[in-house]
């Protein structure tokens, strides 16, 4: 990414903010009828639990995520991150405890939760026989966005993500990274108030990862969009998120800003702090014992 490209996203959104987001999202629409926005908290969980037989995937999770926050959810494989996202996005019923998203109860008001959120799952699907534009038109229709507004948003997002020259090609011809960009665009297309991103940079090259980071920062700053980001990339979380939660075995171990977590762990950076908190540091000699 060149020096001219790096500030593109932030400059774009600042310009649209001054013009009521004329080309990307247009003037922000009124919330759906009945929405109860909490000015301070976009997500609140209280003793949230999820049991799969003898396995407690989410264990007594209580946290609050502020509106406009960029919340990073870190933890090893099987820690319960994706299960938490599925509960909060209305896809999975919790076993006990409670949670609200944008003021809606995730157990009783799932459809309302889905109206005001966007979700990029860890293993999403695409219709490979559609072009990028056709797929985004389809997603827009599902979210009741259409007409000129939808096409402006599609053109702007594909331009920002560097896909404008391939926008009419079938998705089956796209690389995995290009498909991930289309999925990021589809998640943001209806201007959700809260966005769940599960491993958003898993298929992206470093330049595209920086672009997604800048897009998140710009949206959070300019539109107060809240982001809940599950990732294994500690460097991405440290650069992107203003608050981090680290989960192990379904339980929240630490919560705070990246700087606070690093200082509390006596670490050099977030990766070092993460390894000290969840374990996983193995000496070099032990790494070679399998050869004996």
Foldseek 3Di string as FASTA:
>chain_A
DDPVLLCVQLVLLVVCLVVCNVQAQHNDDDQPPPQQADQFFQKFWAQFWADDDPAIQAGGDTDTDTFLFAEEEEEDPSLNQLVVVCQQQLNDPTPDTWMDGRRHTSHPPNVSSNLQEFEDHPDDDDDQQFFLLVRLQVLCVVNVHDDPNLVSNSCVQCVSLVNPVRRRPGNVPDDPQVVLSSSVSSRPRNPHLEYEAEASCVRPDPVSLSSVLSNSVSCSVSVSRHYYYYHNPQVSCLSRGQKYWYGGSNDTDDIGGQVVLCVVQVHDGSVRSNCSRRPDDDDPVVVCPVVD
